[in-house]
Amino acid sequence: MCTGWREERCTSVSGGRGKGLDLHSWLCVSLLFSALWGQASLQCPDSCHCAWDTATVLCSDAGLREIPEGIPPETVSLHLERNYIRNIPESAFSDLVHLRDLYLSHNRIDSLASGALRHLGPELRLLDLSHNQLRQANREEFGSTRAKTRLYHNPWHCDCALQELMETLNLEPETVNGIICESSVRGVGEGSRWEDPGSQGEHAGQPLVKLLDSGVNFCSLQRKTTDVAMLVTMFVWFFMVIVYVVYYVRQNQAEARRHLEYLKSLPSPRKTPAETDTLSTGF
């Protein structure tokens, strides 16, 4: 029976059966593939179901709080949606070089390790991170993936890093309008802590793609804010230097006055009679 992820090998063996393969050899081959099938079945992670004929691992609605261990390296489609996963470590998918579809929607993912998706191979076609708690992301976390990506229904903070990421990823066209800015980079003079209540920024609640199409450039806003911060820092340092110089001069003047007063307070040296006679006679 040709089933499982090693179907191609089994087919090649069965194809040569009519070319002199006797019954004994066929039974040995069958037993060998049965053993391999049993070994592969043991690789399925706990709380997951593995469909070996399609190389699919189903871990949906499994109550998972982290990426499961023991995912078969031959996996082509991995379903992890509707769980309680909060973060993706860097090495989570390092062995899944044949992965084509990765479903991570409807979790609680709020952070990606640096390079968390970097190990996904060039065969990846779909990456679904929708319906999570992602607020910030950058290109380093996604690596060079060209898979069709879903990022809608996340509480995004729109800034320069997210703008650069959007320009790099291959976003699914029908879902880009669902990438909404829950908060955004604030303009010059508006403050900087987007987490504070009432400080979501002027672009909050608007689709990111429409903002970019209208000419909004979060990177220029960030550069302006950085320039102003640098000017303020330089002014503060310059002011501190002036204050120190003034303080130093005044301290030196006070020390000089005290030293002069001390010299004036010293008694004058008394002259001897011989010195007085010499001064009076001129000799």
Protein backbone atom coordinates (compact mmCIF):
# COMPACT_ATOMS: atom_id res chain seq x y z
CA MET A 1 0.00 0.00 0.00
CA CYS A 2 1.52 3.38 -1.05
CA THR A 3 0.67 5.87 1.66
CA GLY A 4 2.51 8.47 3.70
CA TRP A 5 5.15 11.06 2.93
CA ARG A 6 7.37 8.41 1.30
CA GLU A 7 4.81 7.66 -1.38
CA GLU A 8 7.21 8.43 -4.22
CA ARG A 9 9.72 5.82 -3.06
CA CYS A 10 7.00 3.26 -2.63
CA THR A 11 5.70 3.96 -6.13
CA SER A 12 9.15 3.48 -7.62
CA VAL A 13 9.49 0.09 -5.91
CA SER A 14 6.03 -1.09 -6.92
CA GLY A 15 6.70 0.04 -10.49
CA GLY A 16 9.61 -2.38 -10.73
CA ARG A 17 7.67 -5.30 -9.31
CA GLY A 18 6.90 -6.66 -12.73
CA LYS A 19 10.57 -6.77 -13.60
CA GLY A 20 11.55 -9.79 -11.62
CA LEU A 21 10.76 -8.76 -8.04
CA ASP A 22 9.72 -11.99 -6.30
CA LEU A 23 7.17 -12.35 -3.52
CA HIS A 24 9.77 -12.63 -0.78
CA SER A 25 11.46 -9.38 -1.78
CA TRP A 26 8.11 -7.62 -2.04
CA LEU A 27 7.18 -8.72 1.47
CA CYS A 28 10.51 -7.42 2.79
CA VAL A 29 9.98 -4.09 1.11
CA SER A 30 6.43 -3.92 2.49
CA LEU A 31 7.67 -4.63 5.99
CA LEU A 32 10.36 -1.98 5.61
CA PHE A 33 7.86 0.68 4.59
CA SER A 34 5.55 -0.34 7.39
CA ALA A 35 8.37 0.22 9.85
CA LEU A 36 9.13 3.60 8.30
CA TRP A 37 5.43 4.50 8.50
CA GLY A 38 5.33 3.61 12.16
CA GLN A 39 8.46 5.65 12.84
CA ALA A 40 7.01 8.66 11.02
CA SER A 41 3.77 8.39 12.98
CA LEU A 42 5.72 8.79 16.19
CA GLN A 43 7.01 12.18 14.99
CA CYS A 44 3.65 13.89 15.16
CA PRO A 45 3.69 16.50 17.99
CA ASP A 46 1.44 16.14 20.98
CA SER A 47 -2.03 17.69 20.61
CA CYS A 48 -1.61 17.68 16.81
CA HIS A 49 -2.87 15.51 13.99
CA CYS A 50 -0.62 14.63 11.06
CA ALA A 51 -2.03 13.90 7.61
CA TRP A 52 0.86 12.00 6.13
CA ASP A 53 -0.56 11.78 2.62
CA THR A 54 -0.48 15.61 2.26
CA ALA A 55 2.43 16.34 4.64
CA THR A 56 0.08 18.50 6.73
CA VAL A 57 0.35 19.01 10.48
CA LEU A 58 -2.90 20.16 12.10
CA CYS A 59 -2.53 21.83 15.51
CA SER A 60 -5.55 24.10 15.34
CA ASP A 61 -7.67 24.66 18.47
CA ALA A 62 -5.21 22.61 20.50
CA GLY A 63 -4.81 25.02 23.44
CA LEU A 64 -1.12 25.53 22.62
CA ARG A 65 0.80 28.32 24.35
CA GLU A 66 3.99 27.94 22.32
CA ILE A 67 5.20 26.44 19.06
CA PRO A 68 5.15 22.65 19.55
CA GLU A 69 8.32 20.62 19.35
CA GLY A 70 8.85 17.61 17.13
CA ILE A 71 7.24 18.96 13.96
CA PRO A 72 8.35 16.62 11.13
CA PRO A 73 10.96 18.29 8.92
CA GLU A 74 9.06 17.14 5.79
CA THR A 75 6.03 19.24 6.75
CA VAL A 76 4.55 21.20 3.86
CA SER A 77 1.52 22.78 5.54
CA LEU A 78 1.44 23.73 9.25
CA HIS A 79 -1.77 24.86 10.96
CA LEU A 80 -1.34 26.58 14.34
CA GLU A 81 -4.34 28.90 14.24
CA ARG A 82 -6.75 29.51 17.14
CA ASN A 83 -4.34 28.81 19.99
CA TYR A 84 -2.77 30.91 22.78
CA ILE A 85 0.72 31.34 21.34
CA ARG A 86 2.28 34.65 22.45
CA ASN A 87 5.66 34.77 20.75
CA ILE A 88 7.71 33.07 18.07
CA PRO A 89 11.31 32.19 19.04
CA GLU A 90 14.11 32.49 16.52
CA SER A 91 14.61 28.76 15.95
CA ALA A 92 10.92 27.78 15.86
CA PHE A 93 10.88 26.80 12.16
CA SER A 94 14.58 26.28 11.47
CA ASP A 95 14.13 22.64 10.40
CA LEU A 96 11.06 23.12 8.20
CA VAL A 97 12.85 23.71 4.91
CA HIS A 98 9.95 22.33 2.82
CA LEU A 99 7.22 24.40 4.46
CA ARG A 100 4.84 26.10 2.01
CA ASP A 101 1.90 27.23 4.14
CA LEU A 102 2.15 28.54 7.71
CA TYR A 103 -1.06 29.47 9.52
CA LEU A 104 -0.64 31.41 12.77
CA SER A 105 -3.84 33.45 12.82
CA HIS A 106 -6.12 33.94 15.85
CA ASN A 107 -3.39 33.61 18.45
CA ARG A 108 -1.99 36.12 20.96
CA ILE A 109 1.33 36.76 19.25
CA ASP A 110 2.69 40.14 20.33
CA SER A 111 6.38 39.72 19.53
CA LEU A 112 8.67 38.08 17.00
CA ALA A 113 12.24 37.20 17.85
CA SER A 114 14.84 38.82 15.64
CA GLY A 115 14.99 36.60 12.57
CA ALA A 116 12.09 34.45 13.80
CA LEU A 117 10.90 33.84 10.24
CA ARG A 118 14.33 34.03 8.64
CA HIS A 119 14.75 30.25 8.53
CA LEU A 120 11.67 29.67 6.41
CA GLY A 121 12.77 28.41 3.03
CA PRO A 122 12.10 29.93 -0.39
CA GLU A 123 9.26 27.44 -0.93
CA LEU A 124 7.02 29.27 1.56
CA ARG A 125 3.95 30.52 -0.29
CA LEU A 126 1.62 31.72 2.49
CA LEU A 127 2.30 33.29 5.90
CA ASP A 128 -0.81 34.09 7.94
CA LEU A 129 -0.26 36.27 11.03
CA SER A 130 -3.66 37.91 11.05
CA HIS A 131 -5.82 38.33 14.17
CA ASN A 132 -2.96 38.60 16.65
CA GLN A 133 -1.54 41.25 19.00
CA LEU A 134 1.39 42.47 16.91
CA ARG A 135 2.17 46.16 17.40
CA GLN A 136 5.62 46.56 15.93
CA ALA A 137 7.71 44.61 13.43
CA ASN A 138 10.70 45.15 11.17
CA ARG A 139 12.43 43.56 8.21
CA GLU A 140 14.97 41.64 10.32
CA GLU A 141 12.20 39.58 11.90
CA PHE A 142 10.79 38.47 8.54
CA GLY A 143 14.07 37.89 6.76
CA SER A 144 13.88 37.65 2.97
CA THR A 145 10.60 35.76 2.68
CA ARG A 146 8.57 36.43 -0.45
CA ALA A 147 5.51 34.48 0.68
CA LYS A 148 2.08 36.04 0.42
CA THR A 149 1.62 37.56 3.88
CA ARG A 150 -1.46 38.40 5.95
CA LEU A 151 -1.02 40.99 8.70
CA TYR A 152 -4.51 42.41 9.11
CA HIS A 153 -6.40 42.67 12.41
CA ASN A 154 -3.38 43.51 14.56
CA PRO A 155 -3.07 46.63 16.79
CA TRP A 156 -0.27 48.13 14.70
CA HIS A 157 1.79 51.12 15.75
CA CYS A 158 2.57 52.81 12.43
CA ASP A 159 6.15 54.05 12.30
CA CYS A 160 9.14 54.04 9.98
CA ALA A 161 10.03 50.37 10.68
CA LEU A 162 6.52 49.19 9.81
CA GLN A 163 6.45 51.35 6.70
CA GLU A 164 9.72 49.81 5.47
CA LEU A 165 8.39 46.33 6.26
CA MET A 166 5.20 46.95 4.27
CA GLU A 167 7.28 48.05 1.28
CA THR A 168 9.30 44.81 1.50
CA LEU A 169 6.68 42.11 2.10
CA ASN A 170 4.46 40.50 -0.50
CA LEU A 171 1.17 41.39 1.16
CA GLU A 172 -2.04 39.66 0.17
CA PRO A 173 -3.84 42.37 -1.86
CA GLU A 174 -7.35 41.67 -0.55
CA THR A 175 -6.24 42.08 3.08
CA VAL A 176 -3.98 45.17 3.00
CA ASN A 177 -6.83 47.53 3.90
CA GLY A 178 -7.22 45.60 7.16
CA ILE A 179 -3.80 46.77 8.37
CA ILE A 180 -5.03 49.63 10.57
CA CYS A 181 -2.92 52.05 12.61
CA GLU A 182 -4.10 51.76 16.19
CA SER A 183 -1.42 54.34 17.01
CA SER A 184 1.20 56.17 14.98
CA VAL A 185 4.39 58.17 15.15
CA ARG A 186 3.60 61.61 16.49
CA GLY A 187 4.63 64.80 14.79
CA VAL A 188 7.14 67.30 16.12
CA GLY A 189 6.01 68.71 19.45
CA GLU A 190 3.31 66.10 20.00
CA GLY A 191 5.25 63.88 22.41
CA SER A 192 6.76 60.48 21.85
CA ARG A 193 5.18 57.81 24.05
CA TRP A 194 2.47 56.24 21.97
CA GLU A 195 1.48 53.88 24.81
CA ASP A 196 0.12 56.72 26.94
CA PRO A 197 -3.66 57.17 26.91
CA GLY A 198 -4.76 59.81 24.43
CA SER A 199 -1.45 59.80 22.57
CA GLN A 200 -2.33 57.53 19.62
CA GLY A 201 -1.31 60.12 17.05
CA GLU A 202 -3.20 61.87 14.29
CA HIS A 203 -3.26 58.79 12.00
CA ALA A 204 -4.85 56.37 14.48
CA GLY A 205 -7.72 54.33 13.07
CA GLN A 206 -6.69 54.72 9.42
CA PRO A 207 -5.48 52.01 7.02
CA LEU A 208 -1.73 52.13 6.63
CA VAL A 209 -1.76 51.56 2.86
CA LYS A 210 -4.09 54.55 2.31
CA LEU A 211 -1.86 56.77 4.45
CA LEU A 212 1.18 55.79 2.42
CA ASP A 213 -0.70 56.31 -0.85
CA SER A 214 -1.73 59.79 0.31
CA GLY A 215 1.91 60.77 0.79
CA VAL A 216 2.37 60.23 4.52
CA ASN A 217 5.97 59.29 5.25
CA PHE A 218 6.53 58.00 8.77
CA CYS A 219 10.27 57.80 8.18
CA SER A 220 10.48 61.55 7.54
CA LEU A 221 8.43 62.21 10.68
CA GLN A 222 10.83 60.06 12.66
CA ARG A 223 13.84 61.88 11.20
CA LYS A 224 12.33 65.27 12.07
CA THR A 225 11.66 64.13 15.62
CA THR A 226 15.22 62.82 15.86
CA ASP A 227 16.65 66.10 14.56
CA VAL A 228 14.67 68.12 17.08
CA ALA A 229 15.78 65.79 19.88
CA MET A 230 19.41 66.24 18.83
CA LEU A 231 19.05 70.04 18.77
CA VAL A 232 17.46 70.05 22.21
CA THR A 233 20.23 67.81 23.54
CA MET A 234 22.92 70.05 22.08
CA PHE A 235 21.27 73.14 23.55
CA VAL A 236 21.07 71.53 27.00
CA TRP A 237 24.76 70.56 26.88
CA PHE A 238 25.75 74.05 25.70
CA PHE A 239 23.74 75.63 28.50
CA MET A 240 25.37 73.33 31.06
CA VAL A 241 28.84 74.27 29.77
CA ILE A 242 28.08 77.99 30.08
CA VAL A 243 26.72 77.53 33.59
CA TYR A 244 29.84 75.61 34.58
CA VAL A 245 32.17 78.27 33.14
CA VAL A 246 30.32 81.07 34.96
CA TYR A 247 30.38 79.09 38.19
CA TYR A 248 34.10 78.37 37.77
CA VAL A 249 34.95 82.05 37.16
CA ARG A 250 32.93 83.22 40.15
CA GLN A 251 34.53 80.64 42.36
CA ASN A 252 37.98 81.79 41.29
CA GLN A 253 37.08 85.42 41.92
CA ALA A 254 35.81 84.59 45.39
CA GLU A 255 39.00 82.65 46.14
CA ALA A 256 41.12 85.55 44.91
CA ARG A 257 39.24 88.02 47.12
CA ARG A 258 39.63 85.80 50.15
CA HIS A 259 43.34 85.43 49.48
CA LEU A 260 43.78 89.21 49.11
CA GLU A 261 41.89 89.90 52.31
CA TYR A 262 44.08 87.38 54.08
CA LEU A 263 47.22 89.12 52.86
CA LYS A 264 45.92 92.49 54.05
CA SER A 265 45.12 91.07 57.46
CA LEU A 266 48.75 90.04 58.02
CA PRO A 267 50.77 92.44 60.36
CA SER A 268 53.48 94.62 58.76
CA PRO A 269 57.10 93.62 59.68
CA ARG A 270 58.73 95.91 62.31
CA LYS A 271 61.92 97.77 61.37
CA THR A 272 65.08 97.56 63.61
CA PRO A 273 66.82 100.76 65.02
CA ALA A 274 69.83 100.29 62.73
CA GLU A 275 67.59 100.34 59.68
CA THR A 276 65.89 103.53 60.97
CA ASP A 277 69.25 105.39 61.46
CA THR A 278 70.42 104.34 58.02
CA LEU A 279 67.30 105.64 56.39
CA SER A 280 67.46 108.96 58.28
CA THR A 281 71.21 109.74 57.52
CA GLY A 282 71.24 108.38 54.03
CA PHE A 283 74.16 106.02 54.76
